[in-house]
Full PDB file with SEQRES, HELIX, SHEET, SSBOND, CRYST1, ORIGX, SCALE, CONECT and MASTER records, all heavy atoms in Angstrom:
SEQRES   1 A   29  PHE VAL GLY GLY GLY ALA THR THR PRO LEU LEU LEU ASP          
SEQRES   2 A   29  ALA CYS TRP ASP ALA LEU ARG GLU GLY GLY ARG MET VAL          
SEQRES   3 A   29  VAL ASN ALA                                                  
HELIX    1 AA1 LEU A   11  ALA A   18  1                                   8    
CRYST1    1.000    1.000    1.000  90.00  90.00  90.00 P 1           1          
ORIGX1      1.000000  0.000000  0.000000        0.00000                         
ORIGX2      0.000000  1.000000  0.000000        0.00000                         
ORIGX3      0.000000  0.000000  1.000000        0.00000                         
SCALE1      1.000000  0.000000  0.000000        0.00000                         
SCALE2      0.000000  1.000000  0.000000        0.00000                         
SCALE3      0.000000  0.000000  1.000000        0.00000                         
ATOM      1  N   PHE A   1      90.643 118.870  89.167  1.00  0.00           N  
ATOM      2  CA  PHE A   1      90.815 119.249  87.775  1.00  0.00           C  
ATOM      3  C   PHE A   1      90.132 118.214  86.901  1.00  0.00           C  
ATOM      4  O   PHE A   1      90.348 117.007  87.072  1.00  0.00           O  
ATOM      5  CB  PHE A   1      92.294 119.326  87.397  1.00  0.00           C  
ATOM      6  CG  PHE A   1      92.527 119.485  85.920  1.00  0.00           C  
ATOM      7  CD1 PHE A   1      92.101 120.632  85.268  1.00  0.00           C  
ATOM      8  CD2 PHE A   1      93.140 118.488  85.181  1.00  0.00           C  
ATOM      9  CE1 PHE A   1      92.292 120.784  83.898  1.00  0.00           C  
ATOM     10  CE2 PHE A   1      93.337 118.629  83.810  1.00  0.00           C  
ATOM     11  CZ  PHE A   1      92.916 119.784  83.170  1.00  0.00           C  
ATOM     12  N   VAL A   2      89.310 118.698  85.981  1.00  0.00           N  
ATOM     13  CA  VAL A   2      88.669 117.818  85.009  1.00  0.00           C  
ATOM     14  C   VAL A   2      89.219 118.207  83.640  1.00  0.00           C  
ATOM     15  O   VAL A   2      88.892 119.278  83.106  1.00  0.00           O  
ATOM     16  CB  VAL A   2      87.136 117.949  85.041  1.00  0.00           C  
ATOM     17  CG1 VAL A   2      86.501 116.994  84.014  1.00  0.00           C  
ATOM     18  CG2 VAL A   2      86.604 117.649  86.433  1.00  0.00           C  
ATOM     19  N   GLY A   3      90.059 117.333  83.099  1.00  0.00           N  
ATOM     20  CA  GLY A   3      90.683 117.630  81.818  1.00  0.00           C  
ATOM     21  C   GLY A   3      89.972 117.019  80.638  1.00  0.00           C  
ATOM     22  O   GLY A   3      90.265 117.337  79.492  1.00  0.00           O  
ATOM     23  N   GLY A   4      89.035 116.153  80.902  1.00  0.00           N  
ATOM     24  CA  GLY A   4      88.271 115.510  79.840  1.00  0.00           C  
ATOM     25  C   GLY A   4      87.013 114.908  80.431  1.00  0.00           C  
ATOM     26  O   GLY A   4      86.980 114.566  81.613  1.00  0.00           O  
ATOM     27  N   GLY A   5      85.976 114.808  79.640  1.00  0.00           N  
ATOM     28  CA  GLY A   5      84.737 114.196  80.120  1.00  0.00           C  
ATOM     29  C   GLY A   5      83.767 115.159  80.756  1.00  0.00           C  
ATOM     30  O   GLY A   5      82.873 114.735  81.496  1.00  0.00           O  
ATOM     31  N   ALA A   6      83.899 116.452  80.459  1.00  0.00           N  
ATOM     32  CA  ALA A   6      82.984 117.428  81.069  1.00  0.00           C  
ATOM     33  C   ALA A   6      81.533 117.172  80.683  1.00  0.00           C  
ATOM     34  O   ALA A   6      80.613 117.554  81.417  1.00  0.00           O  
ATOM     35  CB  ALA A   6      83.396 118.840  80.667  1.00  0.00           C  
ATOM     36  N   THR A   7      81.316 116.522  79.529  1.00  0.00           N  
ATOM     37  CA  THR A   7      79.942 116.250  79.084  1.00  0.00           C  
ATOM     38  C   THR A   7      79.351 114.990  79.707  1.00  0.00           C  
ATOM     39  O   THR A   7      78.176 114.688  79.491  1.00  0.00           O  
ATOM     40  CB  THR A   7      79.901 116.106  77.548  1.00  0.00           C  
ATOM     41  OG1 THR A   7      80.812 115.074  77.148  1.00  0.00           O  
ATOM     42  CG2 THR A   7      80.290 117.415  76.873  1.00  0.00           C  
ATOM     43  N   THR A   8      80.154 114.251  80.474  1.00  0.00           N  
ATOM     44  CA  THR A   8      79.641 113.056  81.154  1.00  0.00           C  
ATOM     45  C   THR A   8      78.559 113.464  82.151  1.00  0.00           C  
ATOM     46  O   THR A   8      78.800 114.323  83.012  1.00  0.00           O  
ATOM     47  CB  THR A   8      80.771 112.319  81.903  1.00  0.00           C  
ATOM     48  OG1 THR A   8      81.786 111.958  80.971  1.00  0.00           O  
ATOM     49  CG2 THR A   8      80.239 111.081  82.601  1.00  0.00           C  
ATOM     50  N   PRO A   9      77.361 112.895  82.066  1.00  0.00           N  
ATOM     51  CA  PRO A   9      76.273 113.311  82.963  1.00  0.00           C  
ATOM     52  C   PRO A   9      76.667 113.240  84.433  1.00  0.00           C  
ATOM     53  O   PRO A   9      77.218 112.237  84.895  1.00  0.00           O  
ATOM     54  CB  PRO A   9      75.151 112.314  82.635  1.00  0.00           C  
ATOM     55  CG  PRO A   9      75.433 111.881  81.228  1.00  0.00           C  
ATOM     56  CD  PRO A   9      76.930 111.861  81.108  1.00  0.00           C  
ATOM     57  N   LEU A  10      76.425 114.322  85.135  1.00  0.00           N  
ATOM     58  CA  LEU A  10      76.601 114.443  86.585  1.00  0.00           C  
ATOM     59  C   LEU A  10      78.065 114.372  87.041  1.00  0.00           C  
ATOM     60  O   LEU A  10      78.324 114.397  88.244  1.00  0.00           O  
ATOM     61  CB  LEU A  10      75.790 113.371  87.328  1.00  0.00           C  
ATOM     62  CG  LEU A  10      74.267 113.399  87.076  1.00  0.00           C  
ATOM     63  CD1 LEU A  10      73.589 112.273  87.848  1.00  0.00           C  
ATOM     64  CD2 LEU A  10      73.691 114.749  87.488  1.00  0.00           C  
ATOM     65  N   LEU A  11      79.027 114.311  86.107  1.00  0.00           N  
ATOM     66  CA  LEU A  11      80.427 114.254  86.537  1.00  0.00           C  
ATOM     67  C   LEU A  11      80.836 115.520  87.276  1.00  0.00           C  
ATOM     68  O   LEU A  11      81.406 115.454  88.372  1.00  0.00           O  
ATOM     69  CB  LEU A  11      81.345 114.033  85.340  1.00  0.00           C  
ATOM     70  CG  LEU A  11      82.855 114.116  85.649  1.00  0.00           C  
ATOM     71  CD1 LEU A  11      83.261 113.052  86.665  1.00  0.00           C  
ATOM     72  CD2 LEU A  11      83.681 113.985  84.372  1.00  0.00           C  
ATOM     73  N   LEU A  12      80.564 116.675  86.697  1.00  0.00           N  
ATOM     74  CA  LEU A  12      80.974 117.924  87.349  1.00  0.00           C  
ATOM     75  C   LEU A  12      80.246 118.121  88.676  1.00  0.00           C  
ATOM     76  O   LEU A  12      80.830 118.617  89.644  1.00  0.00           O  
ATOM     77  CB  LEU A  12      80.734 119.114  86.428  1.00  0.00           C  
ATOM     78  CG  LEU A  12      81.496 119.109  85.098  1.00  0.00           C  
ATOM     79  CD1 LEU A  12      81.363 120.462  84.406  1.00  0.00           C  
ATOM     80  CD2 LEU A  12      82.962 118.762  85.302  1.00  0.00           C  
ATOM     81  N   ASP A  13      78.982 117.712  88.728  1.00  0.00           N  
ATOM     82  CA  ASP A  13      78.234 117.823  89.994  1.00  0.00           C  
ATOM     83  C   ASP A  13      78.883 116.970  91.078  1.00  0.00           C  
ATOM     84  O   ASP A  13      79.010 117.402  92.229  1.00  0.00           O  
ATOM     85  CB  ASP A  13      76.781 117.374  89.786  1.00  0.00           C  
ATOM     86  CG  ASP A  13      76.049 118.264  88.810  1.00  0.00           C  
ATOM     87  OD1 ASP A  13      76.135 117.995  87.598  1.00  0.00           O  
ATOM     88  OD2 ASP A  13      75.412 119.231  89.249  1.00  0.00           O  
ATOM     89  N   ALA A  14      79.297 115.756  90.710  1.00  0.00           N  
ATOM     90  CA  ALA A  14      79.932 114.865  91.683  1.00  0.00           C  
ATOM     91  C   ALA A  14      81.266 115.440  92.159  1.00  0.00           C  
ATOM     92  O   ALA A  14      81.600 115.361  93.348  1.00  0.00           O  
ATOM     93  CB  ALA A  14      80.139 113.479  91.074  1.00  0.00           C  
ATOM     94  N   CYS A  15      82.023 116.027  91.243  1.00  0.00           N  
ATOM     95  CA  CYS A  15      83.297 116.647  91.629  1.00  0.00           C  
ATOM     96  C   CYS A  15      83.057 117.825  92.562  1.00  0.00           C  
ATOM     97  O   CYS A  15      83.746 117.983  93.586  1.00  0.00           O  
ATOM     98  CB  CYS A  15      84.044 117.124  90.385  1.00  0.00           C  
ATOM     99  SG  CYS A  15      84.664 115.807  89.316  1.00  0.00           S  
ATOM    100  N   TRP A  16      82.096 118.660  92.229  1.00  0.00           N  
ATOM    101  CA  TRP A  16      81.785 119.845  93.039  1.00  0.00           C  
ATOM    102  C   TRP A  16      81.316 119.445  94.430  1.00  0.00           C  
ATOM    103  O   TRP A  16      81.737 120.031  95.438  1.00  0.00           O  
ATOM    104  CB  TRP A  16      80.725 120.671  92.310  1.00  0.00           C  
ATOM    105  CG  TRP A  16      80.401 121.993  92.933  1.00  0.00           C  
ATOM    106  CD1 TRP A  16      79.288 122.332  93.639  1.00  0.00           C  
ATOM    107  CD2 TRP A  16      81.215 123.177  92.877  1.00  0.00           C  
ATOM    108  NE1 TRP A  16      79.333 123.640  94.029  1.00  0.00           N  
ATOM    109  CE2 TRP A  16      80.510 124.189  93.574  1.00  0.00           C  
ATOM    110  CE3 TRP A  16      82.444 123.477  92.312  1.00  0.00           C  
ATOM    111  CZ2 TRP A  16      81.012 125.489  93.720  1.00  0.00           C  
ATOM    112  CZ3 TRP A  16      82.946 124.766  92.458  1.00  0.00           C  
ATOM    113  CH2 TRP A  16      82.242 125.756  93.148  1.00  0.00           C  
ATOM    114  N   ASP A  17      80.457 118.437  94.499  1.00  0.00           N  
ATOM    115  CA  ASP A  17      79.934 117.987  95.804  1.00  0.00           C  
ATOM    116  C   ASP A  17      81.034 117.383  96.671  1.00  0.00           C  
ATOM    117  O   ASP A  17      80.968 117.443  97.902  1.00  0.00           O  
ATOM    118  CB  ASP A  17      78.831 116.947  95.597  1.00  0.00           C  
ATOM    119  CG  ASP A  17      77.565 117.549  94.992  1.00  0.00           C  
ATOM    120  OD1 ASP A  17      77.421 118.790  95.030  1.00  0.00           O  
ATOM    121  OD2 ASP A  17      76.738 116.776  94.457  1.00  0.00           O  
ATOM    122  N   ALA A  18      82.063 116.783  96.037  1.00  0.00           N  
ATOM    123  CA  ALA A  18      83.132 116.145  96.802  1.00  0.00           C  
ATOM    124  C   ALA A  18      84.114 117.145  97.387  1.00  0.00           C  
ATOM    125  O   ALA A  18      84.798 116.855  98.372  1.00  0.00           O  
ATOM    126  CB  ALA A  18      83.898 115.162  95.912  1.00  0.00           C  
ATOM    127  N   LEU A  19      84.180 118.345  96.813  1.00  0.00           N  
ATOM    128  CA  LEU A  19      85.164 119.346  97.248  1.00  0.00           C  
ATOM    129  C   LEU A  19      84.969 119.761  98.696  1.00  0.00           C  
ATOM    130  O   LEU A  19      83.837 119.938  99.175  1.00  0.00           O  
ATOM    131  CB  LEU A  19      85.044 120.598  96.383  1.00  0.00           C  
ATOM    132  CG  LEU A  19      85.903 120.729  95.140  1.00  0.00           C  
ATOM    133  CD1 LEU A  19      85.544 122.026  94.422  1.00  0.00           C  
ATOM    134  CD2 LEU A  19      87.387 120.723  95.485  1.00  0.00           C  
ATOM    135  N   ARG A  20      86.070 119.951  99.386  1.00  0.00           N  
ATOM    136  CA  ARG A  20      86.017 120.567 100.707  1.00  0.00           C  
ATOM    137  C   ARG A  20      85.594 122.029 100.570  1.00  0.00           C  
ATOM    138  O   ARG A  20      85.790 122.649  99.521  1.00  0.00           O  
ATOM    139  CB  ARG A  20      87.391 120.507 101.385  1.00  0.00           C  
ATOM    140  CG  ARG A  20      87.896 119.102 101.688  1.00  0.00           C  
ATOM    141  CD  ARG A  20      89.253 119.178 102.363  1.00  0.00           C  
ATOM    142  NE  ARG A  20      89.837 117.880 102.577  1.00  0.00           N  
ATOM    143  CZ  ARG A  20      89.604 117.104 103.645  1.00  0.00           C  
ATOM    144  NH1 ARG A  20      88.766 117.528 104.575  1.00  0.00           N  
ATOM    145  NH2 ARG A  20      90.191 115.932 103.769  1.00  0.00           N  
ATOM    146  N   GLU A  21      85.070 122.588 101.647  1.00  0.00           N  
ATOM    147  CA  GLU A  21      84.717 124.002 101.628  1.00  0.00           C  
ATOM    148  C   GLU A  21      85.970 124.838 101.360  1.00  0.00           C  
ATOM    149  O   GLU A  21      87.019 124.626 101.966  1.00  0.00           O  
ATOM    150  CB  GLU A  21      84.087 124.416 102.959  1.00  0.00           C  
ATOM    151  CG  GLU A  21      83.592 125.852 102.969  1.00  0.00           C  
ATOM    152  CD  GLU A  21      82.896 126.208 104.279  1.00  0.00           C  
ATOM    153  OE1 GLU A  21      82.697 125.300 105.113  1.00  0.00           O  
ATOM    154  OE2 GLU A  21      82.562 127.393 104.452  1.00  0.00           O  
ATOM    155  N   GLY A  22      85.865 125.767 100.431  1.00  0.00           N  
ATOM    156  CA  GLY A  22      87.017 126.571 100.045  1.00  0.00           C  
ATOM    157  C   GLY A  22      87.861 125.938  98.963  1.00  0.00           C  
ATOM    158  O   GLY A  22      88.854 126.526  98.529  1.00  0.00           O  
ATOM    159  N   GLY A  23      87.465 124.723  98.524  1.00  0.00           N  
ATOM    160  CA  GLY A  23      88.222 124.030  97.496  1.00  0.00           C  
ATOM    161  C   GLY A  23      88.017 124.655  96.120  1.00  0.00           C  
ATOM    162  O   GLY A  23      87.028 125.356  95.862  1.00  0.00           O  
ATOM    163  N   ARG A  24      88.990 124.393  95.227  1.00  0.00           N  
ATOM    164  CA  ARG A  24      88.957 124.946  93.884  1.00  0.00           C  
ATOM    165  C   ARG A  24      88.656 123.854  92.864  1.00  0.00           C  
ATOM    166  O   ARG A  24      89.154 122.733  93.004  1.00  0.00           O  
ATOM    167  CB  ARG A  24      90.300 125.593  93.503  1.00  0.00           C  
ATOM    168  CG  ARG A  24      90.623 126.889  94.219  1.00  0.00           C  
ATOM    169  CD  ARG A  24      91.280 126.691  95.554  1.00  0.00           C  
ATOM    170  NE  ARG A  24      92.555 125.975  95.449  1.00  0.00           N  
ATOM    171  CZ  ARG A  24      93.087 125.267  96.442  1.00  0.00           C  
ATOM    172  NH1 ARG A  24      92.452 125.126  97.584  1.00  0.00           N  
ATOM    173  NH2 ARG A  24      94.256 124.670  96.272  1.00  0.00           N  
ATOM    174  N   MET A  25      87.874 124.205  91.840  1.00  0.00           N  
ATOM    175  CA  MET A  25      87.651 123.278  90.742  1.00  0.00           C  
ATOM    176  C   MET A  25      87.966 123.991  89.435  1.00  0.00           C  
ATOM    177  O   MET A  25      87.588 125.146  89.233  1.00  0.00           O  
ATOM    178  CB  MET A  25      86.208 122.754  90.721  1.00  0.00           C  
ATOM    179  CG  MET A  25      86.013 121.599  89.721  1.00  0.00           C  
ATOM    180  SD  MET A  25      84.520 120.628  90.034  1.00  0.00           S  
ATOM    181  CE  MET A  25      83.342 121.466  89.011  1.00  0.00           C  
ATOM    182  N   VAL A  26      88.682 123.287  88.558  1.00  0.00           N  
ATOM    183  CA  VAL A  26      89.057 123.826  87.256  1.00  0.00           C  
ATOM    184  C   VAL A  26      88.692 122.785  86.208  1.00  0.00           C  
ATOM    185  O   VAL A  26      89.020 121.599  86.358  1.00  0.00           O  
ATOM    186  CB  VAL A  26      90.570 124.146  87.194  1.00  0.00           C  
ATOM    187  CG1 VAL A  26      90.950 124.629  85.799  1.00  0.00           C  
ATOM    188  CG2 VAL A  26      90.944 125.191  88.237  1.00  0.00           C  
ATOM    189  N   VAL A  27      88.027 123.231  85.154  1.00  0.00           N  
ATOM    190  CA  VAL A  27      87.592 122.328  84.085  1.00  0.00           C  
ATOM    191  C   VAL A  27      88.041 122.916  82.751  1.00  0.00           C  
ATOM    192  O   VAL A  27      87.798 124.103  82.480  1.00  0.00           O  
ATOM    193  CB  VAL A  27      86.062 122.137  84.074  1.00  0.00           C  
ATOM    194  CG1 VAL A  27      85.672 121.069  83.054  1.00  0.00           C  
ATOM    195  CG2 VAL A  27      85.548 121.771  85.463  1.00  0.00           C  
ATOM    196  N   ASN A  28      88.680 122.094  81.925  1.00  0.00           N  
ATOM    197  CA  ASN A  28      89.115 122.522  80.596  1.00  0.00           C  
ATOM    198  C   ASN A  28      88.219 121.902  79.527  1.00  0.00           C  
ATOM    199  O   ASN A  28      87.795 120.752  79.655  1.00  0.00           O  
ATOM    200  CB  ASN A  28      90.564 122.109  80.336  1.00  0.00           C  
ATOM    201  CG  ASN A  28      91.552 122.913  81.162  1.00  0.00           C  
ATOM    202  OD1 ASN A  28      91.161 123.737  81.990  1.00  0.00           O  
ATOM    203  ND2 ASN A  28      92.832 122.685  80.939  1.00  0.00           N  
ATOM    204  N   ALA A  29      87.975 122.671  78.470  1.00  0.00           N  
ATOM    205  CA  ALA A  29      87.116 122.197  77.381  1.00  0.00           C  
ATOM    206  C   ALA A  29      87.689 122.636  76.040  1.00  0.00           C  
ATOM    207  O   ALA A  29      88.226 123.745  75.916  1.00  0.00           O  
ATOM    208  CB  ALA A  29      85.702 122.752  77.540  1.00  0.00           C  
TER     209      ALA A  29                                                      
MASTER        0    0    0    1    0    0    0    6  208    1    0    3          
END                                                                             
């Protein structure tokens, strides 16, 4: 879950790459 900092460069990419296969990602803006 990313509750803040979605505009931080490459943050969402790093979170997505870290996820296990089948993992869920949720981002609030």
